Amino acid sequence: MTNSLRLLAGIRLSKETDETTSPERQEADILADPAVEPGGENIVDWARDLDISAGKFNPFQRPKLGPWLTKRTSEYDGLIFARADRAIRSMMDMYELSKWAIEHRKVIIFHKGPGNSPRMDLDFRKGPLDPISQLMVTFFAFAGEIELAAIKDRNQGSQRKAREDGRYHGGPVPYGYRPVKQPMGEGWKLEPDPEASEIVGKAIERILSGDSLNAIAEDLNRNKALAPRDQQRKQKGKPTNGERWSSTVLGRILRNKALLGYQIHNGKVFRGPNGLPVMQSTPIVKRHVWEALQQKLDDNSVKKPRTRSTAPLLQISFCLKSGHPHYIFGGGDPKWGVYYRCRGKVKKLGCEATSVNAKILTQITEEQLLSHIGDLEVLEEVFIPGESHKEELQEAQDGLVDLLERSAGKSEAVKAIYDSQIASLEALIDQLSALPETPSRTEYRGTGSTYREIWEASDAQGRRRLLLDSGVRIEAAVADGPWVSVGRFERPERYDEAVSLGVSDNIQYAFYLPKNLIERTTRLSRGSQLS
């Protein structure tokens, strides 16, 4: 072997944090190889593939090395790696790489063979190796595959032990936490990330106060809060990519039981030998808040009327003759104006009602609202989370059942090991069963402002939000006489008789308020607390 070979140096690392096979150590070994000229003069380039697993990506699939093997084969005479496992980890990979080297007449050099065996110099420039050399290549590839299987087995055992101990063993970090290296070689643990956990806490407060996931996600984007993937990139010291928040991403975070400090594996709570969840960190959320949050998210998952439409009375105004909702149309030509049309007419559901002038209907709605409740105080619905131990009790009961099943049919010696764990869970179940349960509830609290004050201070969409939150409903149609003929269709249970009927500007209407709206408002104004 002469030193005139043009060599492409390959460096690969499964994890950038792996110090035993770091890129710097691999580079030093390559530069020390006898095939490399001093200072690496005959190395044409370095193909560095970091965070790339050899078990998942063969040499031809790697981002840096792959193009050299497929498109730039004329620019070098051979490949050199610090160790065989930096190039291949299976017999099939070795076979394919050898076949490639025969076809392109290349040299493959491993400064160290599999398992730190002596240096391997595979010269394919004259075609296939002699049978003995080919057998050795196959053997070494097989040894590499066995080594990979052993590594995987060790890693799986190590990861399970880490999970049982509540330690962090790599992989995605649940949002809201960050990995922290422990002293005395005790590995890594998770702790609440100050920035991310604050975002979670504020999001929970807003959800419990009635805000939607969409609204919160939009505010997070507006305030340039780091989304989960960017948060992890920042923790690793990598540049962020400008990832955006969405209601789906935020909802997934708020549904994750990792917020309770639990160890999560394959999307489920990981349980220890005693059947109880393993804690991996200090909880970000207390259990009673978590349960209230899940209930609120469940309630919010029911589809509600959209609030961004330009139609101020969307899902507030309905056809007086058929009960179908109105939708807005027109506006393209000023001389025709804007109208509310019955959806039952458009969908050919048998309604022949004439469209209603939108400006007049909006004016009627305003007059009726302010006439009936304009001087009453607007109430704010406040969710008060209860305190429940049902889920914790269920987890303890599930753990007890699991231990009893595992101990059944075992020898007395094995059963003795389970007995202390079973006794511990039984005591915990008795303790949790004795704790009081406080149900969640809703209270209405005064805002200090009347309907008239809020109405006058709001824009069109703010007024629509007020109408929706108050449960206002108006049914209207073009008048066909001096009377109001109300349709005989079913209305939501919260409505009783209309609070007013009338005809205005040739539009007949029926105005409805929820049964308990005035009652709860006047009761609160007298100092009563509602629940």
Protein backbone atom coordinates (compact mmCIF):
# COMPACT_ATOMS: atom_id res chain seq x y z
CA MET A 1 0.00 0.00 0.00
CA THR A 2 1.46 3.35 -1.01
CA ASN A 3 0.62 6.74 0.35
CA SER A 4 -0.54 8.05 -3.03
CA LEU A 5 -4.12 6.84 -2.53
CA ARG A 6 -6.83 9.47 -2.68
CA LEU A 7 -9.00 8.62 0.32
CA LEU A 8 -12.49 9.68 1.35
CA ALA A 9 -12.73 9.64 5.17
CA GLY A 10 -16.06 8.50 6.62
CA ILE A 11 -17.18 9.53 10.11
CA ARG A 12 -20.45 8.40 11.64
CA LEU A 13 -22.02 8.80 15.05
CA SER A 14 -25.38 7.54 16.31
CA LYS A 15 -25.56 10.20 19.03
CA GLU A 16 -23.64 13.45 19.02
CA THR A 17 -23.23 13.11 22.79
CA ASP A 18 -21.38 9.76 22.53
CA GLU A 19 -17.89 10.59 23.80
CA THR A 20 -16.34 7.11 23.25
CA THR A 21 -16.64 7.34 19.47
CA SER A 22 -16.71 11.11 19.09
CA PRO A 23 -15.99 12.67 15.67
CA GLU A 24 -12.72 14.08 17.02
CA ARG A 25 -11.56 10.64 18.21
CA GLN A 26 -12.49 9.05 14.88
CA GLU A 27 -10.65 11.78 12.97
CA ALA A 28 -7.53 11.28 15.10
CA ASP A 29 -7.56 7.50 14.44
CA ILE A 30 -7.93 8.05 10.68
CA LEU A 31 -5.08 10.55 10.57
CA ALA A 32 -2.91 8.05 12.46
CA ASP A 33 -3.47 5.28 9.87
CA PRO A 34 -0.43 4.34 7.75
CA ALA A 35 -2.44 4.86 4.54
CA VAL A 36 -2.86 8.54 5.36
CA GLU A 37 -0.13 11.03 4.55
CA PRO A 38 1.01 13.47 7.26
CA GLY A 39 -1.60 16.12 7.90
CA GLY A 40 -4.12 14.15 5.85
CA GLU A 41 -2.76 15.46 2.55
CA ASN A 42 -4.27 12.58 0.56
CA ILE A 43 -7.74 12.83 2.13
CA VAL A 44 -10.00 14.41 -0.48
CA ASP A 45 -12.83 15.14 1.96
CA TRP A 46 -14.55 14.14 5.18
CA ALA A 47 -18.07 12.66 5.02
CA ARG A 48 -19.43 13.38 8.49
CA ASP A 49 -22.79 11.74 9.26
CA LEU A 50 -23.76 12.68 12.82
CA ASP A 51 -26.83 11.41 14.64
CA ILE A 52 -27.10 8.66 12.01
CA SER A 53 -27.65 5.02 13.06
CA ALA A 54 -25.80 2.37 11.04
CA GLY A 55 -28.51 -0.09 11.99
CA LYS A 56 -31.14 2.07 10.27
CA PHE A 57 -29.19 3.67 7.39
CA ASN A 58 -26.80 1.73 5.19
CA PRO A 59 -23.77 3.59 3.72
CA PHE A 60 -25.67 4.50 0.54
CA GLN A 61 -28.54 6.11 2.49
CA ARG A 62 -26.44 8.43 4.63
CA PRO A 63 -26.73 12.16 3.87
CA LYS A 64 -23.00 12.89 3.56
CA LEU A 65 -21.46 9.57 2.53
CA GLY A 66 -24.23 8.42 0.18
CA PRO A 67 -23.67 10.99 -2.63
CA TRP A 68 -19.95 10.14 -2.71
CA LEU A 69 -20.79 6.45 -3.29
CA THR A 70 -23.35 7.10 -6.03
CA LYS A 71 -22.37 10.30 -7.84
CA ARG A 72 -18.72 11.15 -7.15
CA THR A 73 -16.93 7.82 -7.41
CA SER A 74 -14.22 9.15 -9.77
CA GLU A 75 -12.88 11.65 -7.24
CA TYR A 76 -11.12 9.18 -4.91
CA ASP A 77 -9.45 5.75 -4.80
CA GLY A 78 -10.84 4.37 -1.58
CA LEU A 79 -12.70 4.78 1.69
CA ILE A 80 -11.21 4.93 5.18
CA PHE A 81 -13.04 4.61 8.50
CA ALA A 82 -11.77 4.69 12.09
CA ARG A 83 -13.61 1.46 12.87
CA ALA A 84 -15.63 -1.09 10.93
CA ASP A 85 -18.80 -0.33 12.91
CA ARG A 86 -18.58 3.31 11.78
CA ALA A 87 -19.16 2.01 8.22
CA ILE A 88 -21.37 -1.07 8.51
CA ARG A 89 -23.37 -3.01 11.10
CA SER A 90 -24.74 -5.95 9.08
CA MET A 91 -23.56 -8.67 6.69
CA MET A 92 -25.88 -7.29 4.03
CA ASP A 93 -24.30 -3.83 4.31
CA MET A 94 -20.81 -5.37 4.05
CA TYR A 95 -21.88 -7.39 1.03
CA GLU A 96 -23.33 -4.34 -0.72
CA LEU A 97 -20.31 -2.18 0.10
CA SER A 98 -17.93 -4.91 -1.13
CA LYS A 99 -19.94 -5.33 -4.33
CA TRP A 100 -19.75 -1.56 -4.85
CA ALA A 101 -15.98 -1.58 -4.26
CA ILE A 102 -15.48 -4.43 -6.81
CA GLU A 103 -17.56 -2.59 -9.40
CA HIS A 104 -15.73 0.70 -8.94
CA ARG A 105 -12.31 -0.79 -8.11
CA LYS A 106 -11.93 0.84 -4.70
CA VAL A 107 -10.00 0.23 -1.48
CA ILE A 108 -11.82 0.00 1.87
CA ILE A 109 -9.73 0.59 5.01
CA PHE A 110 -10.85 0.10 8.61
CA HIS A 111 -8.27 1.50 11.04
CA LYS A 112 -9.77 -0.96 13.54
CA GLY A 113 -11.87 -3.99 12.67
CA PRO A 114 -15.01 -5.20 14.48
CA GLY A 115 -14.70 -5.20 18.26
CA ASN A 116 -11.37 -3.34 18.13
CA SER A 117 -9.78 -6.18 16.11
CA PRO A 118 -6.65 -5.35 14.05
CA ARG A 119 -6.64 -3.02 11.07
CA MET A 120 -8.40 -4.25 7.91
CA ASP A 121 -7.18 -3.27 4.44
CA LEU A 122 -9.57 -4.53 1.71
CA ASP A 123 -8.16 -3.81 -1.75
CA PHE A 124 -10.77 -4.38 -4.46
CA ARG A 125 -8.91 -2.49 -7.21
CA LYS A 126 -8.19 -5.72 -9.08
CA GLY A 127 -11.65 -7.22 -8.52
CA PRO A 128 -12.93 -9.68 -5.86
CA LEU A 129 -10.70 -10.69 -2.95
CA ASP A 130 -9.26 -14.16 -2.76
CA PRO A 131 -11.65 -16.71 -1.12
CA ILE A 132 -9.94 -16.61 2.28
CA SER A 133 -10.05 -12.81 2.44
CA GLN A 134 -13.67 -12.83 1.30
CA LEU A 135 -14.52 -15.31 4.06
CA MET A 136 -12.83 -13.05 6.61
CA VAL A 137 -14.81 -10.06 5.37
CA THR A 138 -18.06 -12.02 5.76
CA PHE A 139 -17.02 -13.20 9.22
CA PHE A 140 -16.21 -9.70 10.38
CA ALA A 141 -19.52 -8.40 9.03
CA PHE A 142 -21.30 -11.20 10.88
CA ALA A 143 -19.42 -10.28 14.06
CA GLY A 144 -20.53 -6.68 13.59
CA GLU A 145 -24.15 -7.79 13.25
CA ILE A 146 -23.90 -9.88 16.42
CA GLU A 147 -22.35 -6.90 18.18
CA LEU A 148 -25.21 -4.66 17.03
CA ALA A 149 -27.78 -7.14 18.35
CA ALA A 150 -25.94 -7.28 21.68
CA ILE A 151 -25.83 -3.48 21.85
CA LYS A 152 -29.57 -3.27 21.16
CA ASP A 153 -30.25 -5.84 23.87
CA ARG A 154 -28.06 -3.99 26.38
CA ASN A 155 -29.69 -0.68 25.47
CA GLN A 156 -33.19 -2.09 25.94
CA GLY A 157 -32.27 -3.46 29.36
CA SER A 158 -30.58 -0.21 30.30
CA GLN A 159 -33.57 1.83 29.16
CA ARG A 160 -36.02 -0.30 31.13
CA LYS A 161 -33.89 0.02 34.28
CA ALA A 162 -33.75 3.80 33.74
CA ARG A 163 -37.55 3.93 33.38
CA GLU A 164 -38.03 1.92 36.58
CA ASP A 165 -35.68 4.32 38.39
CA GLY A 166 -37.46 7.36 36.96
CA ARG A 167 -34.35 8.45 35.06
CA TYR A 168 -34.17 10.00 31.59
CA HIS A 169 -32.48 7.74 29.04
CA GLY A 170 -32.62 9.79 25.86
CA GLY A 171 -35.31 10.39 23.28
CA PRO A 172 -37.91 13.17 23.04
CA VAL A 173 -38.36 15.19 26.23
CA PRO A 174 -42.01 15.78 27.25
CA TYR A 175 -42.85 19.42 26.71
CA GLY A 176 -42.53 21.41 29.92
CA TYR A 177 -39.42 19.56 31.10
CA ARG A 178 -35.68 19.56 30.48
CA PRO A 179 -32.98 16.91 31.08
CA VAL A 180 -30.49 17.57 33.86
CA LYS A 181 -27.33 15.52 34.45
CA GLN A 182 -27.15 14.10 37.97
CA PRO A 183 -24.01 14.09 40.15
CA MET A 184 -22.00 10.99 41.06
CA GLY A 185 -22.67 9.26 37.74
CA GLU A 186 -26.37 8.76 38.43
CA GLY A 187 -27.38 9.54 34.86
CA TRP A 188 -30.02 12.07 33.86
CA LYS A 189 -33.31 13.22 35.36
CA LEU A 190 -36.04 15.51 34.10
CA GLU A 191 -37.04 18.71 35.82
CA PRO A 192 -39.59 21.40 34.92
CA ASP A 193 -38.21 23.79 32.32
CA PRO A 194 -38.87 27.31 33.69
CA GLU A 195 -39.90 28.80 30.35
CA ALA A 196 -41.94 25.88 28.98
CA SER A 197 -43.64 24.99 32.27
CA GLU A 198 -44.75 28.62 32.64
CA ILE A 199 -46.36 28.43 29.18
CA VAL A 200 -48.16 25.23 30.21
CA GLY A 201 -49.36 26.78 33.47
CA LYS A 202 -50.76 29.90 31.77
CA ALA A 203 -52.41 27.80 29.05
CA ILE A 204 -54.16 25.71 31.71
CA GLU A 205 -55.38 28.83 33.50
CA ARG A 206 -56.81 30.18 30.24
CA ILE A 207 -58.51 26.88 29.34
CA LEU A 208 -60.15 26.73 32.76
CA SER A 209 -61.27 30.34 32.30
CA GLY A 210 -63.02 29.48 29.04
CA ASP A 211 -60.44 30.30 26.34
CA SER A 212 -60.08 27.97 23.37
CA LEU A 213 -57.00 26.04 22.27
CA ASN A 214 -57.03 28.01 19.01
CA ALA A 215 -56.99 31.38 20.76
CA ILE A 216 -54.13 30.35 23.05
CA ALA A 217 -52.08 28.90 20.15
CA GLU A 218 -52.53 32.12 18.19
CA ASP A 219 -51.33 34.20 21.14
CA LEU A 220 -48.30 31.93 21.59
CA ASN A 221 -47.40 32.43 17.92
CA ARG A 222 -47.99 36.18 18.20
CA ASN A 223 -45.69 36.35 21.24
CA LYS A 224 -43.09 34.17 19.47
CA ALA A 225 -43.12 31.51 22.20
CA LEU A 226 -40.97 28.54 21.21
CA ALA A 227 -43.03 25.58 19.98
CA PRO A 228 -42.16 22.10 21.36
CA ARG A 229 -39.67 21.05 18.64
CA ASP A 230 -37.87 24.38 18.79
CA GLN A 231 -37.83 24.17 22.58
CA GLN A 232 -35.97 20.86 22.33
CA ARG A 233 -33.58 22.29 19.75
CA LYS A 234 -32.81 25.13 22.13
CA GLN A 235 -32.18 22.68 24.99
CA LYS A 236 -29.65 20.88 22.77
CA GLY A 237 -27.96 24.12 21.77
CA LYS A 238 -29.20 23.90 18.19
CA PRO A 239 -30.73 26.73 16.11
CA THR A 240 -34.53 26.95 16.08
CA ASN A 241 -36.61 26.61 12.91
CA GLY A 242 -39.53 28.91 13.62
CA GLU A 243 -42.01 26.09 14.29
CA ARG A 244 -45.57 27.31 14.95
CA TRP A 245 -48.08 26.39 17.60
CA SER A 246 -51.42 24.84 16.69
CA SER A 247 -54.46 23.79 18.69
CA THR A 248 -53.57 20.14 17.96
CA VAL A 249 -50.04 20.48 19.34
CA LEU A 250 -51.22 22.38 22.42
CA GLY A 251 -54.05 19.92 23.06
CA ARG A 252 -51.65 16.98 22.84
CA ILE A 253 -49.40 18.60 25.47
CA LEU A 254 -52.28 19.32 27.85
CA ARG A 255 -53.55 15.73 27.52
CA ASN A 256 -50.15 14.20 28.31
CA LYS A 257 -49.93 12.66 31.78
CA ALA A 258 -46.25 13.56 31.82
CA LEU A 259 -47.48 16.88 33.24
CA LEU A 260 -48.25 14.93 36.42
CA GLY A 261 -44.59 13.94 36.63
CA TYR A 262 -45.25 10.37 35.43
CA GLN A 263 -42.81 8.34 33.37
CA ILE A 264 -44.43 7.80 29.96
CA HIS A 265 -43.47 4.90 27.66
CA ASN A 266 -45.11 4.21 24.28
CA GLY A 267 -47.77 6.79 25.09
CA LYS A 268 -48.83 5.12 28.35
CA VAL A 269 -48.01 5.63 32.02
CA PHE A 270 -45.10 3.36 32.94
CA ARG A 271 -45.71 1.35 36.11
CA GLY A 272 -43.05 0.03 38.43
CA PRO A 273 -42.86 -3.41 40.04
CA ASN A 274 -45.35 -2.28 42.72
CA GLY A 275 -47.95 -1.50 40.05
CA LEU A 276 -47.91 2.27 40.68
CA PRO A 277 -46.86 4.91 38.14
CA VAL A 278 -43.16 5.71 38.18
CA MET A 279 -42.43 9.39 38.81
CA GLN A 280 -39.83 10.90 36.50
CA SER A 281 -39.97 14.50 37.72
CA THR A 282 -41.63 17.04 39.93
CA PRO A 283 -45.18 17.46 38.56
CA ILE A 284 -45.98 20.62 36.61
CA VAL A 285 -49.71 20.23 37.37
CA LYS A 286 -51.47 19.09 40.52
CA ARG A 287 -53.86 16.19 40.16
CA HIS A 288 -57.10 18.06 40.92
CA VAL A 289 -56.16 20.75 38.38
CA TRP A 290 -55.31 18.04 35.84
CA GLU A 291 -58.72 16.42 36.27
CA ALA A 292 -60.48 19.77 35.92
CA LEU A 293 -58.43 20.50 32.82
CA GLN A 294 -59.36 17.19 31.18
CA GLN A 295 -63.04 17.81 31.89
CA LYS A 296 -62.83 21.28 30.39
CA LEU A 297 -61.02 19.99 27.30
CA ASP A 298 -63.71 17.31 26.91
CA ASP A 299 -66.43 19.94 27.16
CA ASN A 300 -64.66 22.19 24.66
CA SER A 301 -64.28 19.35 22.17
CA VAL A 302 -68.01 19.58 21.45
CA LYS A 303 -68.38 21.66 18.32
CA LYS A 304 -69.49 25.20 19.02
CA PRO A 305 -70.57 28.01 16.72
CA ARG A 306 -67.74 29.74 14.92
CA THR A 307 -67.02 33.23 16.18
CA ARG A 308 -64.97 34.67 13.33
CA SER A 309 -67.69 35.06 10.77
CA THR A 310 -68.44 38.53 9.46
CA ALA A 311 -72.16 37.79 10.07
CA PRO A 312 -72.92 39.47 13.42
CA LEU A 313 -76.02 37.32 14.03
CA LEU A 314 -74.70 33.97 12.85
CA GLN A 315 -76.12 31.20 15.12
CA ILE A 316 -78.14 33.91 16.90
CA SER A 317 -80.73 34.65 14.22
CA PHE A 318 -83.16 31.96 12.98
CA CYS A 319 -86.11 31.81 10.60
CA LEU A 320 -89.40 32.56 12.34
CA LYS A 321 -91.32 30.22 10.01
CA SER A 322 -89.10 27.10 9.92
CA GLY A 323 -86.58 27.44 12.77
CA HIS A 324 -83.62 26.93 10.46
CA PRO A 325 -80.58 29.17 11.05
CA HIS A 326 -80.08 32.32 9.03
CA TYR A 327 -76.93 32.95 7.04
CA ILE A 328 -75.81 36.20 5.49
CA PHE A 329 -75.54 36.95 1.79
CA GLY A 330 -75.28 39.97 -0.46
CA GLY A 331 -73.08 43.02 -0.12
CA GLY A 332 -71.50 42.83 -3.56
CA ASP A 333 -73.80 45.53 -4.93
CA PRO A 334 -74.53 48.39 -2.46
CA LYS A 335 -77.98 49.08 -3.94
CA TRP A 336 -79.20 45.60 -2.95
CA GLY A 337 -77.79 45.64 0.58
CA VAL A 338 -77.08 42.69 2.89
CA TYR A 339 -79.71 40.12 3.97
CA TYR A 340 -80.19 37.11 6.19
CA ARG A 341 -81.56 34.14 4.27
CA CYS A 342 -83.12 30.98 5.71
CA ARG A 343 -80.92 27.95 5.21
CA GLY A 344 -84.04 25.80 4.92
CA LYS A 345 -84.92 27.66 1.74
CA VAL A 346 -81.51 27.24 0.15
CA LYS A 347 -81.32 23.56 1.11
CA LYS A 348 -84.83 23.03 -0.29
CA LEU A 349 -86.22 21.92 3.05
CA GLY A 350 -89.64 23.39 2.39
CA CYS A 351 -89.19 26.94 3.71
CA GLU A 352 -90.34 29.79 1.45
CA ALA A 353 -89.54 32.67 3.82
CA THR A 354 -88.39 35.91 2.22
CA SER A 355 -84.91 37.14 3.14
CA VAL A 356 -84.62 39.65 6.01
CA ASN A 357 -82.71 42.94 5.83
CA ALA A 358 -79.56 42.48 7.93
CA LYS A 359 -79.31 46.10 9.09
CA ILE A 360 -82.89 46.20 10.35
CA LEU A 361 -82.61 42.80 12.06
CA THR A 362 -79.39 43.84 13.83
CA GLN A 363 -81.09 47.03 15.02
CA ILE A 364 -84.09 45.06 16.35
CA THR A 365 -81.76 42.67 18.21
CA GLU A 366 -79.89 45.57 19.81
CA GLU A 367 -83.10 47.31 20.90
CA GLN A 368 -84.54 44.14 22.41
CA LEU A 369 -81.34 43.19 24.22
CA LEU A 370 -80.86 46.62 25.81
CA SER A 371 -84.55 46.94 26.59
CA HIS A 372 -84.69 43.68 28.55
CA ILE A 373 -81.26 43.34 30.19
CA GLY A 374 -79.28 46.45 29.19
CA ASP A 375 -78.97 47.73 32.75
CA LEU A 376 -78.17 44.35 34.31
CA GLU A 377 -74.62 43.38 35.21
CA VAL A 378 -72.89 40.93 32.86
CA LEU A 379 -71.85 37.78 34.66
CA GLU A 380 -68.67 35.87 34.01
CA GLU A 381 -68.77 32.08 34.12
CA VAL A 382 -65.92 30.80 36.30
CA PHE A 383 -64.97 27.13 36.49
CA ILE A 384 -64.00 26.01 40.01
CA PRO A 385 -62.03 22.74 39.91
CA GLY A 386 -62.94 20.17 42.51
CA GLU A 387 -60.66 17.79 44.35
CA SER A 388 -60.92 14.15 43.39
CA HIS A 389 -58.80 11.09 44.08
CA LYS A 390 -60.72 8.74 41.78
CA GLU A 391 -57.96 8.42 39.21
CA GLU A 392 -55.27 7.93 41.83
CA LEU A 393 -57.46 5.34 43.56
CA GLN A 394 -58.10 3.59 40.24
CA GLU A 395 -54.35 3.44 39.56
CA ALA A 396 -53.73 1.87 42.95
CA GLN A 397 -56.54 -0.65 42.41
CA ASP A 398 -55.22 -1.54 38.94
CA GLY A 399 -51.76 -2.01 40.42
CA LEU A 400 -53.15 -4.30 43.13
CA VAL A 401 -54.96 -6.45 40.57
CA ASP A 402 -51.78 -6.69 38.53
CA LEU A 403 -49.71 -7.80 41.52
CA LEU A 404 -52.31 -10.37 42.57
CA GLU A 405 -52.34 -11.84 39.05
CA ARG A 406 -48.55 -11.94 38.91
CA SER A 407 -48.25 -13.65 42.28
CA ALA A 408 -50.94 -16.27 41.59
CA GLY A 409 -49.56 -19.78 41.28
CA LYS A 410 -46.04 -18.78 42.30
CA SER A 411 -43.95 -20.50 44.92
CA GLU A 412 -44.10 -19.39 48.56
CA ALA A 413 -40.69 -17.73 48.23
CA VAL A 414 -41.83 -15.65 45.26
CA LYS A 415 -45.17 -14.83 46.88
CA ALA A 416 -43.32 -13.47 49.92
CA ILE A 417 -41.68 -10.87 47.64
CA TYR A 418 -45.09 -9.74 46.37
CA ASP A 419 -46.73 -9.73 49.80
CA SER A 420 -45.07 -6.50 50.99
CA GLN A 421 -45.97 -4.72 47.74
CA ILE A 422 -49.57 -5.93 47.98
CA ALA A 423 -49.83 -4.81 51.62
CA SER A 424 -48.47 -1.38 50.67
CA LEU A 425 -51.05 -0.94 47.91
CA GLU A 426 -53.90 -2.12 50.14
CA ALA A 427 -52.94 0.51 52.72
CA LEU A 428 -52.80 3.19 50.03
CA ILE A 429 -56.25 2.19 48.72
CA ASP A 430 -57.73 2.45 52.24
CA GLN A 431 -56.13 5.88 52.67
CA LEU A 432 -57.38 7.23 49.32
CA SER A 433 -60.88 5.81 49.85
CA ALA A 434 -61.19 7.79 53.09
CA LEU A 435 -60.34 11.15 51.52
CA PRO A 436 -63.24 13.56 50.81
CA GLU A 437 -64.40 14.26 47.25
CA THR A 438 -65.23 17.81 46.16
CA PRO A 439 -66.99 18.02 42.78
CA SER A 440 -66.07 20.65 40.20
CA ARG A 441 -68.59 23.45 39.79
CA THR A 442 -69.34 26.61 37.86
CA GLU A 443 -69.89 29.98 39.50
CA TYR A 444 -71.12 33.24 38.00
CA ARG A 445 -69.26 36.32 39.13
CA GLY A 446 -70.03 39.91 38.40
CA THR A 447 -67.87 41.76 35.86
CA GLY A 448 -68.73 45.24 37.13
CA SER A 449 -70.13 46.24 33.72
CA THR A 450 -73.68 46.23 32.38
CA TYR A 451 -74.78 44.80 29.06
CA ARG A 452 -75.31 48.32 27.76
CA GLU A 453 -71.77 49.41 28.72
CA ILE A 454 -70.13 46.37 27.13
CA TRP A 455 -72.33 46.59 24.03
CA GLU A 456 -71.47 50.24 23.42
CA ALA A 457 -67.75 49.62 23.94
CA SER A 458 -67.54 46.57 21.62
CA ASP A 459 -67.04 46.14 17.88
CA ALA A 460 -69.32 43.92 15.73
CA GLN A 461 -67.59 40.67 16.67
CA GLY A 462 -67.39 41.65 20.34
CA ARG A 463 -71.14 42.26 20.32
CA ARG A 464 -71.71 38.91 18.65
CA ARG A 465 -69.62 37.22 21.32
CA LEU A 466 -71.73 38.92 24.01
CA LEU A 467 -74.94 37.68 22.35
CA LEU A 468 -73.60 34.13 22.04
CA ASP A 469 -72.32 34.03 25.63
CA SER A 470 -75.65 35.36 26.91
CA GLY A 471 -77.64 32.81 24.89
CA VAL A 472 -79.70 35.38 22.96
CA ARG A 473 -81.90 33.99 20.17
CA ILE A 474 -84.01 35.96 17.73
CA GLU A 475 -86.38 34.50 15.17
CA ALA A 476 -87.46 36.74 12.29
CA ALA A 477 -89.24 36.79 8.94
CA VAL A 478 -90.81 39.34 6.60
CA ALA A 479 -94.23 40.26 8.00
CA ASP A 480 -97.30 38.72 6.36
CA GLY A 481 -99.79 40.56 8.57
CA PRO A 482 -100.05 42.84 11.62
CA TRP A 483 -99.52 39.85 13.91
CA VAL A 484 -96.55 37.58 14.69
CA SER A 485 -97.03 33.98 13.58
CA VAL A 486 -94.43 31.88 15.43
CA GLY A 487 -93.53 28.53 13.93
CA ARG A 488 -94.32 25.29 15.77
CA PHE A 489 -90.82 23.84 15.83
CA GLU A 490 -88.73 22.60 18.74
CA ARG A 491 -86.29 24.96 20.39
CA PRO A 492 -83.32 24.20 22.67
CA GLU A 493 -84.41 23.26 26.19
CA ARG A 494 -82.88 26.38 27.72
CA TYR A 495 -85.53 28.58 26.00
CA ASP A 496 -89.10 29.01 27.22
CA GLU A 497 -91.61 31.42 25.75
CA ALA A 498 -90.30 34.44 23.87
CA VAL A 499 -89.76 37.46 26.12
CA SER A 500 -91.18 39.69 23.38
CA LEU A 501 -93.01 39.46 20.05
CA GLY A 502 -93.34 42.31 17.59
CA VAL A 503 -93.28 43.77 14.11
CA SER A 504 -90.78 46.46 13.12
CA ASP A 505 -90.04 47.87 9.67
CA ASN A 506 -92.08 45.06 8.10
CA ILE A 507 -90.11 42.39 9.95
CA GLN A 508 -91.91 40.22 12.49
CA TYR A 509 -89.74 38.78 15.27
CA ALA A 510 -89.69 36.70 18.45
CA PHE A 511 -86.93 37.53 20.95
CA TYR A 512 -85.71 34.85 23.38
CA LEU A 513 -83.43 34.84 26.42
CA PRO A 514 -82.31 31.75 28.37
CA LYS A 515 -84.71 30.83 31.18
CA ASN A 516 -82.24 31.53 33.97
CA LEU A 517 -80.37 34.54 32.55
CA ILE A 518 -82.37 37.30 34.25
CA GLU A 519 -82.91 35.17 37.37
CA ARG A 520 -79.22 34.53 38.03
CA THR A 521 -78.31 38.13 37.19
CA THR A 522 -80.79 39.64 39.62
CA ARG A 523 -79.95 37.09 42.32
CA LEU A 524 -76.26 37.94 42.09
CA SER A 525 -77.01 41.65 42.24
CA ARG A 526 -78.72 40.96 45.58
CA GLY A 527 -75.55 39.32 46.89
CA SER A 528 -76.39 35.65 46.30
CA GLN A 529 -73.67 33.26 45.18
CA LEU A 530 -74.63 30.87 42.42
CA SER A 531 -73.09 27.48 41.77
